[in-house]
Amino acid sequence: MTFMALFNITGIQYFYFRILFETLLANRCKLLFKTSGCFFLNFFNSEFYFAVLTFKKNDYASKKTKSLS
C-alpha cells in the first residue's frame, strides 16, 4: 500500500503489472533454477521493474504537460 501511494498509481495498474511481471519472472526462474527460493527473488524484481516503469511513465507525462502549458 505504501508502494502504491508512493508512485501515485491506481490499484488496477498495480495489479496488472504485478501479475505480468510475476508471471514472466516466475516462468524464467522455474526454467533456470527450479527452486522455491526463486519466488522471493521474483517478488523483489517485479517491484523494482514496476517502480522503474511507473517512474518513467510519470516523468514523460509531466514533461508533456509542461510543454503544453
N, C-alpha and C. Protein backbone atom coordinates (compact mmCIF):
# COMPACT_ATOMS: atom_id res chain seq x y z
N MET A 1 0.82 -1.20 0.00
CA MET A 1 0.00 0.00 0.00
C MET A 1 0.87 1.26 0.00
N THR A 2 1.96 1.22 0.73
CA THR A 2 2.88 2.36 0.73
C THR A 2 3.44 2.55 -0.66
N PHE A 3 3.71 1.42 -1.29
CA PHE A 3 4.27 1.44 -2.65
C PHE A 3 3.31 2.14 -3.61
N MET A 4 2.03 1.84 -3.49
CA MET A 4 1.04 2.44 -4.38
C MET A 4 0.92 3.94 -4.13
N ALA A 5 0.95 4.33 -2.88
CA ALA A 5 0.83 5.75 -2.54
C ALA A 5 2.07 6.51 -3.02
N LEU A 6 3.20 5.88 -2.91
CA LEU A 6 4.47 6.50 -3.28
C LEU A 6 4.51 6.89 -4.74
N PHE A 7 4.02 6.01 -5.60
CA PHE A 7 4.08 6.28 -7.03
C PHE A 7 2.78 6.83 -7.62
N ASN A 8 1.79 7.02 -6.77
CA ASN A 8 0.53 7.64 -7.19
C ASN A 8 -0.09 6.93 -8.40
N ILE A 9 -0.39 5.67 -8.23
CA ILE A 9 -0.97 4.89 -9.32
C ILE A 9 -2.27 4.25 -8.88
N THR A 10 -3.04 3.78 -9.84
CA THR A 10 -4.31 3.14 -9.50
C THR A 10 -4.08 1.68 -9.15
N GLY A 11 -4.99 1.11 -8.40
CA GLY A 11 -4.90 -0.29 -8.00
C GLY A 11 -4.91 -1.23 -9.18
N ILE A 12 -5.64 -0.85 -10.22
CA ILE A 12 -5.74 -1.72 -11.40
C ILE A 12 -4.40 -1.82 -12.11
N GLN A 13 -3.73 -0.68 -12.29
CA GLN A 13 -2.41 -0.68 -12.92
C GLN A 13 -1.45 -1.53 -12.11
N TYR A 14 -1.46 -1.33 -10.80
CA TYR A 14 -0.56 -2.07 -9.91
C TYR A 14 -0.81 -3.57 -10.04
N PHE A 15 -2.07 -3.94 -10.00
CA PHE A 15 -2.45 -5.35 -10.08
C PHE A 15 -2.01 -5.95 -11.41
N TYR A 16 -2.26 -5.24 -12.50
CA TYR A 16 -1.93 -5.73 -13.83
C TYR A 16 -0.43 -5.96 -13.99
N PHE A 17 0.37 -4.99 -13.59
CA PHE A 17 1.82 -5.12 -13.75
C PHE A 17 2.41 -6.17 -12.82
N ARG A 18 1.85 -6.27 -11.61
CA ARG A 18 2.33 -7.30 -10.69
C ARG A 18 2.11 -8.68 -11.29
N ILE A 19 0.91 -8.92 -11.83
CA ILE A 19 0.59 -10.21 -12.44
C ILE A 19 1.53 -10.47 -13.61
N LEU A 20 1.70 -9.46 -14.46
CA LEU A 20 2.54 -9.60 -15.65
C LEU A 20 3.97 -9.98 -15.29
N PHE A 21 4.59 -9.21 -14.40
CA PHE A 21 5.99 -9.47 -14.09
C PHE A 21 6.19 -10.70 -13.22
N GLU A 22 5.25 -10.94 -12.32
CA GLU A 22 5.36 -12.16 -11.51
C GLU A 22 5.34 -13.38 -12.42
N THR A 23 4.46 -13.36 -13.41
CA THR A 23 4.32 -14.49 -14.33
C THR A 23 5.58 -14.67 -15.17
N LEU A 24 6.04 -13.58 -15.77
CA LEU A 24 7.23 -13.66 -16.62
C LEU A 24 8.46 -14.11 -15.84
N LEU A 25 8.67 -13.49 -14.69
CA LEU A 25 9.86 -13.82 -13.91
C LEU A 25 9.78 -15.21 -13.30
N ALA A 26 8.59 -15.60 -12.88
CA ALA A 26 8.43 -16.93 -12.29
C ALA A 26 8.71 -18.01 -13.33
N ASN A 27 8.22 -17.80 -14.55
CA ASN A 27 8.46 -18.78 -15.61
C ASN A 27 9.94 -18.89 -15.95
N ARG A 28 10.60 -17.76 -16.06
CA ARG A 28 12.03 -17.76 -16.37
C ARG A 28 12.81 -18.42 -15.23
N CYS A 29 12.41 -18.11 -14.02
CA CYS A 29 13.08 -18.64 -12.84
C CYS A 29 12.94 -20.15 -12.73
N LYS A 30 11.74 -20.63 -13.01
CA LYS A 30 11.49 -22.08 -12.94
C LYS A 30 12.37 -22.82 -13.93
N LEU A 31 12.51 -22.26 -15.12
CA LEU A 31 13.32 -22.90 -16.14
C LEU A 31 14.79 -22.94 -15.73
N LEU A 32 15.26 -21.84 -15.14
CA LEU A 32 16.68 -21.76 -14.81
C LEU A 32 17.06 -22.50 -13.54
N PHE A 33 16.29 -22.29 -12.48
CA PHE A 33 16.71 -22.79 -11.18
C PHE A 33 15.84 -23.89 -10.58
N LYS A 34 14.53 -23.79 -10.82
CA LYS A 34 13.57 -24.73 -10.23
C LYS A 34 13.68 -24.79 -8.71
N THR A 35 13.79 -23.64 -8.09
CA THR A 35 13.84 -23.59 -6.62
C THR A 35 12.73 -22.69 -6.10
N SER A 36 12.25 -23.01 -4.91
CA SER A 36 11.17 -22.21 -4.33
C SER A 36 11.71 -20.85 -3.87
N GLY A 37 12.99 -20.80 -3.51
CA GLY A 37 13.59 -19.55 -3.07
C GLY A 37 13.56 -18.48 -4.14
N CYS A 38 13.45 -18.93 -5.37
CA CYS A 38 13.46 -18.01 -6.50
C CYS A 38 12.22 -17.12 -6.50
N PHE A 39 11.14 -17.58 -5.93
CA PHE A 39 9.92 -16.79 -5.94
C PHE A 39 10.05 -15.54 -5.07
N PHE A 40 10.88 -15.62 -4.04
CA PHE A 40 11.12 -14.43 -3.22
C PHE A 40 11.87 -13.39 -4.06
N LEU A 41 12.79 -13.88 -4.85
CA LEU A 41 13.56 -13.02 -5.76
C LEU A 41 12.62 -12.37 -6.77
N ASN A 42 11.70 -13.14 -7.30
CA ASN A 42 10.73 -12.63 -8.27
C ASN A 42 9.92 -11.49 -7.70
N PHE A 43 9.53 -11.63 -6.44
CA PHE A 43 8.72 -10.60 -5.80
C PHE A 43 9.46 -9.27 -5.81
N PHE A 44 10.73 -9.29 -5.40
CA PHE A 44 11.51 -8.05 -5.35
C PHE A 44 11.82 -7.52 -6.74
N ASN A 45 12.10 -8.41 -7.67
CA ASN A 45 12.36 -8.00 -9.05
C ASN A 45 11.15 -7.30 -9.65
N SER A 46 9.98 -7.88 -9.46
CA SER A 46 8.77 -7.30 -10.05
C SER A 46 8.48 -5.94 -9.45
N GLU A 47 8.74 -5.78 -8.15
CA GLU A 47 8.54 -4.48 -7.51
C GLU A 47 9.48 -3.45 -8.12
N PHE A 48 10.72 -3.87 -8.35
CA PHE A 48 11.72 -2.96 -8.90
C PHE A 48 11.36 -2.55 -10.33
N TYR A 49 11.05 -3.53 -11.17
CA TYR A 49 10.70 -3.23 -12.56
C TYR A 49 9.48 -2.32 -12.63
N PHE A 50 8.51 -2.59 -11.79
CA PHE A 50 7.29 -1.80 -11.80
C PHE A 50 7.58 -0.36 -11.38
N ALA A 51 8.44 -0.21 -10.37
CA ALA A 51 8.81 1.12 -9.90
C ALA A 51 9.48 1.92 -11.02
N VAL A 52 10.37 1.29 -11.75
CA VAL A 52 11.09 1.95 -12.85
C VAL A 52 10.12 2.35 -13.96
N LEU A 53 9.24 1.42 -14.35
CA LEU A 53 8.27 1.70 -15.41
C LEU A 53 7.35 2.85 -15.03
N THR A 54 6.86 2.83 -13.82
CA THR A 54 5.92 3.85 -13.37
C THR A 54 6.61 5.21 -13.31
N PHE A 55 7.84 5.21 -12.83
CA PHE A 55 8.59 6.46 -12.72
C PHE A 55 8.79 7.07 -14.11
N LYS A 56 9.18 6.25 -15.07
CA LYS A 56 9.40 6.73 -16.44
C LYS A 56 8.11 7.27 -17.04
N LYS A 57 7.02 6.56 -16.81
CA LYS A 57 5.72 6.98 -17.37
C LYS A 57 5.30 8.32 -16.77
N ASN A 58 5.44 8.48 -15.47
CA ASN A 58 5.06 9.72 -14.80
C ASN A 58 5.95 10.87 -15.25
N ASP A 59 7.22 10.59 -15.44
CA ASP A 59 8.18 11.59 -15.88
C ASP A 59 7.80 12.10 -17.27
N TYR A 60 7.46 11.18 -18.15
CA TYR A 60 7.06 11.53 -19.52
C TYR A 60 5.78 12.38 -19.51
N ALA A 61 4.84 11.97 -18.67
CA ALA A 61 3.56 12.69 -18.58
C ALA A 61 3.77 14.11 -18.08
N SER A 62 4.65 14.29 -17.09
CA SER A 62 4.88 15.64 -16.56
C SER A 62 5.59 16.52 -17.58
N LYS A 63 6.50 15.94 -18.36
CA LYS A 63 7.18 16.71 -19.40
C LYS A 63 6.19 17.16 -20.48
N LYS A 64 5.30 16.26 -20.84
CA LYS A 64 4.31 16.56 -21.88
C LYS A 64 3.37 17.68 -21.41
N THR A 65 2.99 17.61 -20.14
CA THR A 65 2.09 18.62 -19.58
C THR A 65 2.78 19.99 -19.57
N LYS A 66 4.06 20.01 -19.19
CA LYS A 66 4.80 21.27 -19.15
C LYS A 66 4.93 21.88 -20.54
N SER A 67 5.17 21.04 -21.54
CA SER A 67 5.35 21.55 -22.90
C SER A 67 4.05 22.12 -23.47
N LEU A 68 2.92 21.59 -23.00
CA LEU A 68 1.62 22.09 -23.48
C LEU A 68 1.25 23.43 -22.86
N SER A 69 1.67 23.63 -21.61
CA SER A 69 1.28 24.86 -20.90
C SER A 69 2.18 26.04 -21.25
